[in-house]
Each structure stands twice: as C-alpha cells, then as structure tokens.
Amino acid sequence: MSFTLKLLIGLAIGCLLGHKEIKKILDSFKNN
C-alpha cells in the first residue's frame, strides 16, 4: 500500500475517532 493511501485512511479513521484520540496516538508516537 502506498504511503499517501495510508495517510488518507489514517485521516479518515482519525475523523471517526475524534481529535482526542488523535492527540493520544500522536503523544504515544512522540513518547516512543
């Protein structure tokens, strides 16, 4: 799968989950 497609899917999932979930995921990436 191409990176762009993964990014679009990630954004779509992010919109469904809501911004709080995105922040948690981003924070966990920064910490690890």
PDB file of N, CA and C in Angstrom:
ATOM      1  N   MET A   1       0.841  -1.193   0.000  1.00  0.00           N
ATOM      2  CA  MET A   1       0.000   0.000   0.000  1.00  0.00           C
ATOM      3  C   MET A   1       0.883   1.253   0.000  1.00  0.00           C
ATOM      4  N   SER A   2       0.459   2.255  -0.756  1.00  0.00           N
ATOM      5  CA  SER A   2       1.262   3.478  -0.844  1.00  0.00           C
ATOM      6  C   SER A   2       1.115   4.321   0.416  1.00  0.00           C
ATOM      7  N   PHE A   3       2.131   5.153   0.664  1.00  0.00           N
ATOM      8  CA  PHE A   3       2.132   5.995   1.867  1.00  0.00           C
ATOM      9  C   PHE A   3       0.951   6.958   1.867  1.00  0.00           C
ATOM     10  N   THR A   4       0.657   7.532   0.698  1.00  0.00           N
ATOM     11  CA  THR A   4      -0.435   8.507   0.591  1.00  0.00           C
ATOM     12  C   THR A   4      -1.763   7.865   0.962  1.00  0.00           C
ATOM     13  N   LEU A   5      -1.960   6.629   0.496  1.00  0.00           N
ATOM     14  CA  LEU A   5      -3.204   5.925   0.787  1.00  0.00           C
ATOM     15  C   LEU A   5      -3.328   5.651   2.279  1.00  0.00           C
ATOM     16  N   LYS A   6      -2.217   5.238   2.901  1.00  0.00           N
ATOM     17  CA  LYS A   6      -2.214   5.012   4.348  1.00  0.00           C
ATOM     18  C   LYS A   6      -2.566   6.293   5.091  1.00  0.00           C
ATOM     19  N   LEU A   7      -2.015   7.408   4.608  1.00  0.00           N
ATOM     20  CA  LEU A   7      -2.256   8.693   5.253  1.00  0.00           C
ATOM     21  C   LEU A   7      -3.736   9.068   5.169  1.00  0.00           C
ATOM     22  N   LEU A   8      -4.331   8.878   4.001  1.00  0.00           N
ATOM     23  CA  LEU A   8      -5.752   9.194   3.820  1.00  0.00           C
ATOM     24  C   LEU A   8      -6.624   8.321   4.708  1.00  0.00           C
ATOM     25  N   ILE A   9      -6.288   7.032   4.776  1.00  0.00           N
ATOM     26  CA  ILE A   9      -7.043   6.123   5.640  1.00  0.00           C
ATOM     27  C   ILE A   9      -6.886   6.536   7.100  1.00  0.00           C
ATOM     28  N   GLY A  10      -5.663   6.901   7.462  1.00  0.00           N
ATOM     29  CA  GLY A  10      -5.407   7.350   8.832  1.00  0.00           C
ATOM     30  C   GLY A  10      -6.221   8.579   9.193  1.00  0.00           C
ATOM     31  N   LEU A  11      -6.306   9.524   8.253  1.00  0.00           N
ATOM     32  CA  LEU A  11      -7.100  10.728   8.483  1.00  0.00           C
ATOM     33  C   LEU A  11      -8.581  10.397   8.611  1.00  0.00           C
ATOM     34  N   ALA A  12      -9.057   9.499   7.753  1.00  0.00           N
ATOM     35  CA  ALA A  12     -10.466   9.101   7.801  1.00  0.00           C
ATOM     36  C   ALA A  12     -10.800   8.464   9.147  1.00  0.00           C
ATOM     37  N   ILE A  13      -9.932   7.546   9.604  1.00  0.00           N
ATOM     38  CA  ILE A  13     -10.121   6.900  10.907  1.00  0.00           C
ATOM     39  C   ILE A  13     -10.047   7.946  12.019  1.00  0.00           C
ATOM     40  N   GLY A  14      -9.094   8.873  11.877  1.00  0.00           N
ATOM     41  CA  GLY A  14      -8.939   9.931  12.871  1.00  0.00           C
ATOM     42  C   GLY A  14     -10.191  10.771  13.015  1.00  0.00           C
ATOM     43  N   CYS A  15     -10.806  11.099  11.876  1.00  0.00           N
ATOM     44  CA  CYS A  15     -12.044  11.890  11.908  1.00  0.00           C
ATOM     45  C   CYS A  15     -13.149  11.123  12.621  1.00  0.00           C
ATOM     46  N   LEU A  16     -13.203   9.809  12.393  1.00  0.00           N
ATOM     47  CA  LEU A  16     -14.230   8.990  13.035  1.00  0.00           C
ATOM     48  C   LEU A  16     -13.998   8.888  14.536  1.00  0.00           C
ATOM     49  N   LEU A  17     -12.726   8.749  14.930  1.00  0.00           N
ATOM     50  CA  LEU A  17     -12.408   8.579  16.345  1.00  0.00           C
ATOM     51  C   LEU A  17     -12.554   9.881  17.118  1.00  0.00           C
ATOM     52  N   GLY A  18     -12.222  10.979  16.462  1.00  0.00           N
ATOM     53  CA  GLY A  18     -12.280  12.268  17.146  1.00  0.00           C
ATOM     54  C   GLY A  18     -10.897  12.762  17.515  1.00  0.00           C
ATOM     55  N   HIS A  19     -10.800  14.065  17.767  1.00  0.00           N
ATOM     56  CA  HIS A  19      -9.499  14.704  17.945  1.00  0.00           C
ATOM     57  C   HIS A  19      -8.785  14.266  19.213  1.00  0.00           C
ATOM     58  N   LYS A  20      -9.523  13.887  20.230  1.00  0.00           N
ATOM     59  CA  LYS A  20      -8.891  13.427  21.472  1.00  0.00           C
ATOM     60  C   LYS A  20      -8.076  12.173  21.220  1.00  0.00           C
ATOM     61  N   GLU A  21      -8.639  11.255  20.422  1.00  0.00           N
ATOM     62  CA  GLU A  21      -7.941  10.013  20.107  1.00  0.00           C
ATOM     63  C   GLU A  21      -6.691  10.291  19.288  1.00  0.00           C
ATOM     64  N   ILE A  22      -6.793  11.220  18.334  1.00  0.00           N
ATOM     65  CA  ILE A  22      -5.629  11.593  17.518  1.00  0.00           C
ATOM     66  C   ILE A  22      -4.521  12.101  18.419  1.00  0.00           C
ATOM     67  N   LYS A  23      -4.875  12.953  19.373  1.00  0.00           N
ATOM     68  CA  LYS A  23      -3.874  13.523  20.270  1.00  0.00           C
ATOM     69  C   LYS A  23      -3.190  12.418  21.081  1.00  0.00           C
ATOM     70  N   LYS A  24      -3.971  11.458  21.569  1.00  0.00           N
ATOM     71  CA  LYS A  24      -3.399  10.335  22.320  1.00  0.00           C
ATOM     72  C   LYS A  24      -2.413   9.562  21.466  1.00  0.00           C
ATOM     73  N   ILE A  25      -2.811   9.268  20.213  1.00  0.00           N
ATOM     74  CA  ILE A  25      -1.964   8.495  19.304  1.00  0.00           C
ATOM     75  C   ILE A  25      -0.685   9.257  19.004  1.00  0.00           C
ATOM     76  N   LEU A  26      -0.806  10.552  18.719  1.00  0.00           N
ATOM     77  CA  LEU A  26       0.370  11.363  18.417  1.00  0.00           C
ATOM     78  C   LEU A  26       1.300  11.430  19.624  1.00  0.00           C
ATOM     79  N   ASP A  27       0.721  11.594  20.808  1.00  0.00           N
ATOM     80  CA  ASP A  27       1.532  11.652  22.025  1.00  0.00           C
ATOM     81  C   ASP A  27       2.279  10.336  22.245  1.00  0.00           C
ATOM     82  N   SER A  28       1.609   9.215  21.974  1.00  0.00           N
ATOM     83  CA  SER A  28       2.262   7.915  22.170  1.00  0.00           C
ATOM     84  C   SER A  28       3.401   7.725  21.173  1.00  0.00           C
ATOM     85  N   PHE A  29       3.226   8.256  19.939  1.00  0.00           N
ATOM     86  CA  PHE A  29       4.313   8.189  18.968  1.00  0.00           C
ATOM     87  C   PHE A  29       5.510   9.022  19.433  1.00  0.00           C
ATOM     88  N   LYS A  30       5.248  10.208  19.962  1.00  0.00           N
ATOM     89  CA  LYS A  30       6.326  11.080  20.432  1.00  0.00           C
ATOM     90  C   LYS A  30       7.079  10.446  21.601  1.00  0.00           C
ATOM     91  N   ASN A  31       6.348   9.789  22.493  1.00  0.00           N
ATOM     92  CA  ASN A  31       6.962   9.206  23.679  1.00  0.00           C
ATOM     93  C   ASN A  31       7.826   7.997  23.347  1.00  0.00           C
ATOM     94  N   ASN A  32       7.445   7.244  22.316  1.00  0.00           N
ATOM     95  CA  ASN A  32       8.166   6.004  21.999  1.00  0.00           C
ATOM     96  C   ASN A  32       9.305   6.157  21.064  1.00  0.00           C
TER      97      ASN A  32
END
